Amino acid sequence: MSWMLLLSCAGKQVAPEPVPAAPEPAPDVQVHMAEHLVRATSTRDSVVQGRFDEAREGFRWIAEHQADDSLLAGSHGWRDELREVAA
């Protein structure tokens, strides 16, 4: 009887539903955010390595950078808080 149950279940495999792919960000957004990552990483490294004049320049850029608001949908509060801390 267990063989019959096994055979009856073997043909009824349920395939997982496909997960919809996230839309790719526009190339200009990728370039823009990559620039932010490079600057933030460089600023962090300057602090860690004790190069505080370089770090101040990085923090100044973060505080004063005029970003395109269309790239920041939903993140204005975070941006404003980061600028305040960086200033």
PDB file of N, CA and C in Angstrom:
ATOM      1  N   MET A   1       0.813  -1.186   0.000  1.00  0.00           N
ATOM      2  CA  MET A   1       0.000   0.000   0.000  1.00  0.00           C
ATOM      3  C   MET A   1       0.865   1.262   0.000  1.00  0.00           C
ATOM      4  N   SER A   2       1.987   1.237   0.707  1.00  0.00           N
ATOM      5  CA  SER A   2       2.858   2.411   0.723  1.00  0.00           C
ATOM      6  C   SER A   2       3.423   2.719  -0.665  1.00  0.00           C
ATOM      7  N   TRP A   3       3.621   1.679  -1.486  1.00  0.00           N
ATOM      8  CA  TRP A   3       4.099   1.901  -2.854  1.00  0.00           C
ATOM      9  C   TRP A   3       3.056   2.633  -3.686  1.00  0.00           C
ATOM     10  N   MET A   4       1.840   2.299  -3.479  1.00  0.00           N
ATOM     11  CA  MET A   4       0.767   2.946  -4.234  1.00  0.00           C
ATOM     12  C   MET A   4       0.658   4.416  -3.835  1.00  0.00           C
ATOM     13  N   LEU A   5       0.797   4.680  -2.560  1.00  0.00           N
ATOM     14  CA  LEU A   5       0.755   6.059  -2.083  1.00  0.00           C
ATOM     15  C   LEU A   5       1.928   6.855  -2.633  1.00  0.00           C
ATOM     16  N   LEU A   6       3.104   6.239  -2.607  1.00  0.00           N
ATOM     17  CA  LEU A   6       4.301   6.884  -3.138  1.00  0.00           C
ATOM     18  C   LEU A   6       4.142   7.195  -4.618  1.00  0.00           C
ATOM     19  N   LEU A   7       3.648   6.251  -5.387  1.00  0.00           N
ATOM     20  CA  LEU A   7       3.468   6.456  -6.818  1.00  0.00           C
ATOM     21  C   LEU A   7       2.401   7.505  -7.110  1.00  0.00           C
ATOM     22  N   SER A   8       1.367   7.533  -6.310  1.00  0.00           N
ATOM     23  CA  SER A   8       0.311   8.513  -6.557  1.00  0.00           C
ATOM     24  C   SER A   8       0.781   9.930  -6.222  1.00  0.00           C
ATOM     25  N   CYS A   9       1.669  10.064  -5.266  1.00  0.00           N
ATOM     26  CA  CYS A   9       2.189  11.385  -4.883  1.00  0.00           C
ATOM     27  C   CYS A   9       3.328  11.828  -5.791  1.00  0.00           C
ATOM     28  N   ALA A  10       4.029  10.894  -6.383  1.00  0.00           N
ATOM     29  CA  ALA A  10       5.200  11.229  -7.190  1.00  0.00           C
ATOM     30  C   ALA A  10       4.842  12.062  -8.408  1.00  0.00           C
ATOM     31  N   GLY A  11       3.694  11.844  -8.983  1.00  0.00           N
ATOM     32  CA  GLY A  11       3.315  12.588 -10.175  1.00  0.00           C
ATOM     33  C   GLY A  11       2.695  13.933  -9.881  1.00  0.00           C
ATOM     34  N   LYS A  12       2.487  14.261  -8.628  1.00  0.00           N
ATOM     35  CA  LYS A  12       1.810  15.509  -8.263  1.00  0.00           C
ATOM     36  C   LYS A  12       2.753  16.485  -7.572  1.00  0.00           C
ATOM     37  N   GLN A  13       3.877  16.720  -8.164  1.00  0.00           N
ATOM     38  CA  GLN A  13       4.821  17.670  -7.590  1.00  0.00           C
ATOM     39  C   GLN A  13       4.343  19.084  -7.892  1.00  0.00           C
ATOM     40  N   VAL A  14       4.429  19.917  -6.906  1.00  0.00           N
ATOM     41  CA  VAL A  14       4.012  21.302  -7.059  1.00  0.00           C
ATOM     42  C   VAL A  14       5.254  22.159  -7.227  1.00  0.00           C
ATOM     43  N   ALA A  15       5.304  22.859  -8.348  1.00  0.00           N
ATOM     44  CA  ALA A  15       6.450  23.738  -8.603  1.00  0.00           C
ATOM     45  C   ALA A  15       6.290  25.007  -7.782  1.00  0.00           C
ATOM     46  N   PRO A  16       7.392  25.516  -7.223  1.00  0.00           N
ATOM     47  CA  PRO A  16       7.292  26.777  -6.483  1.00  0.00           C
ATOM     48  C   PRO A  16       6.911  27.916  -7.417  1.00  0.00           C
ATOM     49  N   GLU A  17       6.165  28.855  -6.882  1.00  0.00           N
ATOM     50  CA  GLU A  17       5.777  30.011  -7.695  1.00  0.00           C
ATOM     51  C   GLU A  17       6.997  30.874  -7.951  1.00  0.00           C
ATOM     52  N   PRO A  18       7.126  31.384  -9.166  1.00  0.00           N
ATOM     53  CA  PRO A  18       8.289  32.233  -9.455  1.00  0.00           C
ATOM     54  C   PRO A  18       8.214  33.541  -8.679  1.00  0.00           C
ATOM     55  N   VAL A  19       9.351  33.984  -8.227  1.00  0.00           N
ATOM     56  CA  VAL A  19       9.449  35.248  -7.509  1.00  0.00           C
ATOM     57  C   VAL A  19       9.678  36.343  -8.538  1.00  0.00           C
ATOM     58  N   PRO A  20       8.844  37.380  -8.532  1.00  0.00           N
ATOM     59  CA  PRO A  20       9.049  38.440  -9.527  1.00  0.00           C
ATOM     60  C   PRO A  20      10.378  39.150  -9.284  1.00  0.00           C
ATOM     61  N   ALA A  21      11.069  39.422 -10.356  1.00  0.00           N
ATOM     62  CA  ALA A  21      12.366  40.097 -10.257  1.00  0.00           C
ATOM     63  C   ALA A  21      12.158  41.568  -9.922  1.00  0.00           C
ATOM     64  N   ALA A  22      13.023  42.084  -9.070  1.00  0.00           N
ATOM     65  CA  ALA A  22      12.979  43.506  -8.740  1.00  0.00           C
ATOM     66  C   ALA A  22      13.419  44.298  -9.958  1.00  0.00           C
ATOM     67  N   PRO A  23      12.795  45.436 -10.197  1.00  0.00           N
ATOM     68  CA  PRO A  23      13.210  46.230 -11.349  1.00  0.00           C
ATOM     69  C   PRO A  23      14.630  46.752 -11.159  1.00  0.00           C
ATOM     70  N   GLU A  24      15.367  46.774 -12.222  1.00  0.00           N
ATOM     71  CA  GLU A  24      16.737  47.294 -12.179  1.00  0.00           C
ATOM     72  C   GLU A  24      16.692  48.813 -12.051  1.00  0.00           C
ATOM     73  N   PRO A  25      17.506  49.401 -11.181  1.00  0.00           N
ATOM     74  CA  PRO A  25      17.537  50.862 -11.109  1.00  0.00           C
ATOM     75  C   PRO A  25      18.100  51.438 -12.405  1.00  0.00           C
ATOM     76  N   ALA A  26      17.689  52.644 -12.694  1.00  0.00           N
ATOM     77  CA  ALA A  26      18.185  53.314 -13.894  1.00  0.00           C
ATOM     78  C   ALA A  26      19.693  53.489 -13.782  1.00  0.00           C
ATOM     79  N   PRO A  27      20.415  53.412 -14.900  1.00  0.00           N
ATOM     80  CA  PRO A  27      21.883  53.536 -14.853  1.00  0.00           C
ATOM     81  C   PRO A  27      22.369  54.809 -14.175  1.00  0.00           C
ATOM     82  N   ASP A  28      21.677  55.936 -14.386  1.00  0.00           N
ATOM     83  CA  ASP A  28      22.132  57.175 -13.759  1.00  0.00           C
ATOM     84  C   ASP A  28      22.006  57.100 -12.242  1.00  0.00           C
ATOM     85  N   VAL A  29      21.015  56.382 -11.736  1.00  0.00           N
ATOM     86  CA  VAL A  29      20.864  56.207 -10.291  1.00  0.00           C
ATOM     87  C   VAL A  29      22.005  55.338  -9.766  1.00  0.00           C
ATOM     88  N   GLN A  30      22.346  54.287 -10.489  1.00  0.00           N
ATOM     89  CA  GLN A  30      23.438  53.410 -10.073  1.00  0.00           C
ATOM     90  C   GLN A  30      24.748  54.183 -10.007  1.00  0.00           C
ATOM     91  N   VAL A  31      25.019  54.997 -10.999  1.00  0.00           N
ATOM     92  CA  VAL A  31      26.257  55.787 -11.018  1.00  0.00           C
ATOM     93  C   VAL A  31      26.251  56.781  -9.868  1.00  0.00           C
ATOM     94  N   HIS A  32      25.128  57.433  -9.669  1.00  0.00           N
ATOM     95  CA  HIS A  32      25.018  58.434  -8.608  1.00  0.00           C
ATOM     96  C   HIS A  32      25.247  57.809  -7.232  1.00  0.00           C
ATOM     97  N   MET A  33      24.612  56.670  -6.984  1.00  0.00           N
ATOM     98  CA  MET A  33      24.747  56.033  -5.681  1.00  0.00           C
ATOM     99  C   MET A  33      26.128  55.401  -5.505  1.00  0.00           C
ATOM    100  N   ALA A  34      26.736  54.947  -6.586  1.00  0.00           N
ATOM    101  CA  ALA A  34      28.105  54.420  -6.505  1.00  0.00           C
ATOM    102  C   ALA A  34      29.060  55.535  -6.080  1.00  0.00           C
ATOM    103  N   GLU A  35      28.827  56.739  -6.583  1.00  0.00           N
ATOM    104  CA  GLU A  35      29.656  57.885  -6.177  1.00  0.00           C
ATOM    105  C   GLU A  35      29.497  58.144  -4.682  1.00  0.00           C
ATOM    106  N   HIS A  36      28.275  58.055  -4.179  1.00  0.00           N
ATOM    107  CA  HIS A  36      28.037  58.237  -2.746  1.00  0.00           C
ATOM    108  C   HIS A  36      28.778  57.179  -1.934  1.00  0.00           C
ATOM    109  N   LEU A  37      28.727  55.938  -2.399  1.00  0.00           N
ATOM    110  CA  LEU A  37      29.401  54.848  -1.687  1.00  0.00           C
ATOM    111  C   LEU A  37      30.909  55.078  -1.641  1.00  0.00           C
ATOM    112  N   VAL A  38      31.487  55.501  -2.754  1.00  0.00           N
ATOM    113  CA  VAL A  38      32.930  55.760  -2.789  1.00  0.00           C
ATOM    114  C   VAL A  38      33.294  56.867  -1.808  1.00  0.00           C
ATOM    115  N   ARG A  39      32.522  57.937  -1.802  1.00  0.00           N
ATOM    116  CA  ARG A  39      32.815  59.053  -0.893  1.00  0.00           C
ATOM    117  C   ARG A  39      32.630  58.655   0.573  1.00  0.00           C
ATOM    118  N   ALA A  40      31.566  57.935   0.868  1.00  0.00           N
ATOM    119  CA  ALA A  40      31.317  57.514   2.252  1.00  0.00           C
ATOM    120  C   ALA A  40      32.404  56.557   2.732  1.00  0.00           C
ATOM    121  N   THR A  41      32.806  55.639   1.878  1.00  0.00           N
ATOM    122  CA  THR A  41      33.860  54.687   2.237  1.00  0.00           C
ATOM    123  C   THR A  41      35.184  55.393   2.451  1.00  0.00           C
ATOM    124  N   SER A  42      35.491  56.332   1.582  1.00  0.00           N
ATOM    125  CA  SER A  42      36.730  57.097   1.710  1.00  0.00           C
ATOM    126  C   SER A  42      36.729  57.914   3.008  1.00  0.00           C
ATOM    127  N   THR A  43      35.587  58.506   3.329  1.00  0.00           N
ATOM    128  CA  THR A  43      35.480  59.283   4.566  1.00  0.00           C
ATOM    129  C   THR A  43      35.656  58.383   5.779  1.00  0.00           C
ATOM    130  N   ARG A  44      35.008  57.223   5.775  1.00  0.00           N
ATOM    131  CA  ARG A  44      35.164  56.260   6.871  1.00  0.00           C
ATOM    132  C   ARG A  44      36.627  55.845   7.029  1.00  0.00           C
ATOM    133  N   ASP A  45      37.279  55.531   5.903  1.00  0.00           N
ATOM    134  CA  ASP A  45      38.678  55.115   5.958  1.00  0.00           C
ATOM    135  C   ASP A  45      39.572  56.234   6.498  1.00  0.00           C
ATOM    136  N   SER A  46      39.260  57.470   6.141  1.00  0.00           N
ATOM    137  CA  SER A  46      40.041  58.601   6.643  1.00  0.00           C
ATOM    138  C   SER A  46      39.937  58.705   8.162  1.00  0.00           C
ATOM    139  N   VAL A  47      38.744  58.495   8.698  1.00  0.00           N
ATOM    140  CA  VAL A  47      38.564  58.538  10.155  1.00  0.00           C
ATOM    141  C   VAL A  47      39.352  57.414  10.811  1.00  0.00           C
ATOM    142  N   VAL A  48      39.217  56.208  10.283  1.00  0.00           N
ATOM    143  CA  VAL A  48      39.882  55.037  10.863  1.00  0.00           C
ATOM    144  C   VAL A  48      41.397  55.200  10.852  1.00  0.00           C
ATOM    145  N   GLN A  49      41.915  55.816   9.792  1.00  0.00           N
ATOM    146  CA  GLN A  49      43.359  55.968   9.642  1.00  0.00           C
ATOM    147  C   GLN A  49      43.887  57.270  10.244  1.00  0.00           C
ATOM    148  N   GLY A  50      43.006  58.026  10.892  1.00  0.00           N
ATOM    149  CA  GLY A  50      43.451  59.236  11.581  1.00  0.00           C
ATOM    150  C   GLY A  50      43.718  60.424  10.663  1.00  0.00           C
ATOM    151  N   ARG A  51      43.224  60.392   9.443  1.00  0.00           N
ATOM    152  CA  ARG A  51      43.401  61.515   8.511  1.00  0.00           C
ATOM    153  C   ARG A  51      42.162  62.416   8.623  1.00  0.00           C
ATOM    154  N   PHE A  52      42.124  63.186   9.692  1.00  0.00           N
ATOM    155  CA  PHE A  52      40.913  63.913  10.037  1.00  0.00           C
ATOM    156  C   PHE A  52      40.623  65.085   9.111  1.00  0.00           C
ATOM    157  N   ASP A  53      41.636  65.706   8.527  1.00  0.00           N
ATOM    158  CA  ASP A  53      41.379  66.777   7.564  1.00  0.00           C
ATOM    159  C   ASP A  53      40.636  66.222   6.342  1.00  0.00           C
ATOM    160  N   GLU A  54      41.057  65.061   5.853  1.00  0.00           N
ATOM    161  CA  GLU A  54      40.371  64.418   4.729  1.00  0.00           C
ATOM    162  C   GLU A  54      38.958  64.009   5.133  1.00  0.00           C
ATOM    163  N   ALA A  55      38.823  63.514   6.358  1.00  0.00           N
ATOM    164  CA  ALA A  55      37.504  63.100   6.836  1.00  0.00           C
ATOM    165  C   ALA A  55      36.562  64.299   6.897  1.00  0.00           C
ATOM    166  N   ARG A  56      37.056  65.442   7.360  1.00  0.00           N
ATOM    167  CA  ARG A  56      36.221  66.646   7.414  1.00  0.00           C
ATOM    168  C   ARG A  56      35.724  67.035   6.036  1.00  0.00           C
ATOM    169  N   GLU A  57      36.580  66.909   5.022  1.00  0.00           N
ATOM    170  CA  GLU A  57      36.163  67.216   3.655  1.00  0.00           C
ATOM    171  C   GLU A  57      35.026  66.283   3.222  1.00  0.00           C
ATOM    172  N   GLY A  58      35.158  65.013   3.551  1.00  0.00           N
ATOM    173  CA  GLY A  58      34.104  64.054   3.215  1.00  0.00           C
ATOM    174  C   GLY A  58      32.803  64.363   3.926  1.00  0.00           C
ATOM    175  N   PHE A  59      32.884  64.679   5.227  1.00  0.00           N
ATOM    176  CA  PHE A  59      31.681  65.028   5.972  1.00  0.00           C
ATOM    177  C   PHE A  59      31.064  66.314   5.446  1.00  0.00           C
ATOM    178  N   ARG A  60      31.897  67.268   5.046  1.00  0.00           N
ATOM    179  CA  ARG A  60      31.400  68.519   4.479  1.00  0.00           C
ATOM    180  C   ARG A  60      30.623  68.234   3.198  1.00  0.00           C
ATOM    181  N   TRP A  61      31.167  67.348   2.355  1.00  0.00           N
ATOM    182  CA  TRP A  61      30.475  67.005   1.112  1.00  0.00           C
ATOM    183  C   TRP A  61      29.113  66.380   1.421  1.00  0.00           C
ATOM    184  N   ILE A  62      29.083  65.477   2.406  1.00  0.00           N
ATOM    185  CA  ILE A  62      27.816  64.842   2.785  1.00  0.00           C
ATOM    186  C   ILE A  62      26.814  65.899   3.252  1.00  0.00           C
ATOM    187  N   ALA A  63      27.268  66.829   4.067  1.00  0.00           N
ATOM    188  CA  ALA A  63      26.387  67.848   4.626  1.00  0.00           C
ATOM    189  C   ALA A  63      25.880  68.818   3.568  1.00  0.00           C
ATOM    190  N   GLU A  64      26.692  69.122   2.570  1.00  0.00           N
ATOM    191  CA  GLU A  64      26.354  70.166   1.596  1.00  0.00           C
ATOM    192  C   GLU A  64      25.876  69.631   0.251  1.00  0.00           C
ATOM    193  N   HIS A  65      26.012  68.340   0.012  1.00  0.00           N
ATOM    194  CA  HIS A  65      25.675  67.768  -1.294  1.00  0.00           C
ATOM    195  C   HIS A  65      24.213  68.012  -1.642  1.00  0.00           C
ATOM    196  N   GLN A  66      23.988  68.580  -2.796  1.00  0.00           N
ATOM    197  CA  GLN A  66      22.637  68.817  -3.287  1.00  0.00           C
ATOM    198  C   GLN A  66      22.232  67.648  -4.174  1.00  0.00           C
ATOM    199  N   ALA A  67      21.455  66.753  -3.615  1.00  0.00           N
ATOM    200  CA  ALA A  67      21.039  65.567  -4.354  1.00  0.00           C
ATOM    201  C   ALA A  67      19.786  65.863  -5.158  1.00  0.00           C
ATOM    202  N   ASP A  68      19.623  65.129  -6.211  1.00  0.00           N
ATOM    203  CA  ASP A  68      18.416  65.183  -7.028  1.00  0.00           C
ATOM    204  C   ASP A  68      17.299  64.524  -6.222  1.00  0.00           C
ATOM    205  N   ASP A  69      16.275  65.278  -5.877  1.00  0.00           N
ATOM    206  CA  ASP A  69      15.197  64.742  -5.030  1.00  0.00           C
ATOM    207  C   ASP A  69      14.485  63.556  -5.656  1.00  0.00           C
ATOM    208  N   SER A  70      14.512  63.428  -6.968  1.00  0.00           N
ATOM    209  CA  SER A  70      13.843  62.288  -7.594  1.00  0.00           C
ATOM    210  C   SER A  70      14.568  60.982  -7.273  1.00  0.00           C
ATOM    211  N   LEU A  71      15.844  61.063  -6.894  1.00  0.00           N
ATOM    212  CA  LEU A  71      16.595  59.869  -6.543  1.00  0.00           C
ATOM    213  C   LEU A  71      16.366  59.455  -5.102  1.00  0.00           C
ATOM    214  N   LEU A  72      15.764  60.327  -4.328  1.00  0.00           N
ATOM    215  CA  LEU A  72      15.655  60.098  -2.893  1.00  0.00           C
ATOM    216  C   LEU A  72      14.224  59.899  -2.417  1.00  0.00           C
ATOM    217  N   ALA A  73      13.357  59.412  -3.271  1.00  0.00           N
ATOM    218  CA  ALA A  73      11.958  59.248  -2.887  1.00  0.00           C
ATOM    219  C   ALA A  73      11.845  58.465  -1.579  1.00  0.00           C
ATOM    220  N   GLY A  74      11.235  59.083  -0.584  1.00  0.00           N
ATOM    221  CA  GLY A  74      11.013  58.403   0.686  1.00  0.00           C
ATOM    222  C   GLY A  74      12.172  58.451   1.659  1.00  0.00           C
ATOM    223  N   SER A  75      13.252  59.110   1.315  1.00  0.00           N
ATOM    224  CA  SER A  75      14.412  59.098   2.208  1.00  0.00           C
ATOM    225  C   SER A  75      14.801  60.493   2.694  1.00  0.00           C
ATOM    226  N   HIS A  76      13.921  61.461   2.573  1.00  0.00           N
ATOM    227  CA  HIS A  76      14.268  62.822   2.963  1.00  0.00           C
ATOM    228  C   HIS A  76      14.578  62.949   4.446  1.00  0.00           C
ATOM    229  N   GLY A  77      13.840  62.263   5.297  1.00  0.00           N
ATOM    230  CA  GLY A  77      14.106  62.321   6.738  1.00  0.00           C
ATOM    231  C   GLY A  77      15.482  61.784   7.068  1.00  0.00           C
ATOM    232  N   TRP A  78      15.846  60.671   6.454  1.00  0.00           N
ATOM    233  CA  TRP A  78      17.169  60.082   6.676  1.00  0.00           C
ATOM    234  C   TRP A  78      18.252  61.017   6.168  1.00  0.00           C
ATOM    235  N   ARG A  79      18.034  61.598   4.998  1.00  0.00           N
ATOM    236  CA  ARG A  79      19.020  62.513   4.415  1.00  0.00           C
ATOM    237  C   ARG A  79      19.224  63.720   5.325  1.00  0.00           C
ATOM    238  N   ASP A  80      18.139  64.301   5.815  1.00  0.00           N
ATOM    239  CA  ASP A  80      18.246  65.478   6.676  1.00  0.00           C
ATOM    240  C   ASP A  80      18.978  65.154   7.978  1.00  0.00           C
ATOM    241  N   GLU A  81      18.699  63.992   8.552  1.00  0.00           N
ATOM    242  CA  GLU A  81      19.381  63.583   9.785  1.00  0.00           C
ATOM    243  C   GLU A  81      20.879  63.370   9.529  1.00  0.00           C
ATOM    244  N   LEU A  82      21.217  62.743   8.415  1.00  0.00           N
ATOM    245  CA  LEU A  82      22.626  62.518   8.080  1.00  0.00           C
ATOM    246  C   LEU A  82      23.346  63.843   7.891  1.00  0.00           C
ATOM    247  N   ARG A  83      22.723  64.770   7.213  1.00  0.00           N
ATOM    248  CA  ARG A  83      23.338  66.094   7.002  1.00  0.00           C
ATOM    249  C   ARG A  83      23.567  66.814   8.326  1.00  0.00           C
ATOM    250  N   GLU A  84      22.607  66.707   9.231  1.00  0.00           N
ATOM    251  CA  GLU A  84      22.753  67.363  10.539  1.00  0.00           C
ATOM    252  C   GLU A  84      23.919  66.792  11.310  1.00  0.00           C
ATOM    253  N   VAL A  85      24.069  65.467  11.308  1.00  0.00           N
ATOM    254  CA  VAL A  85      25.161  64.824  12.019  1.00  0.00           C
ATOM    255  C   VAL A  85      26.493  65.167  11.363  1.00  0.00           C
ATOM    256  N   ALA A  86      26.524  65.251  10.038  1.00  0.00           N
ATOM    257  CA  ALA A  86      27.774  65.499   9.313  1.00  0.00           C
ATOM    258  C   ALA A  86      28.244  66.947   9.469  1.00  0.00           C
ATOM    259  N   ALA A  87      27.323  67.862   9.711  1.00  0.00           N
ATOM    260  CA  ALA A  87      27.674  69.294   9.768  1.00  0.00           C
ATOM    261  C   ALA A  87      28.485  69.663  10.977  1.00  0.00           C
TER     262      ALA A  87
END
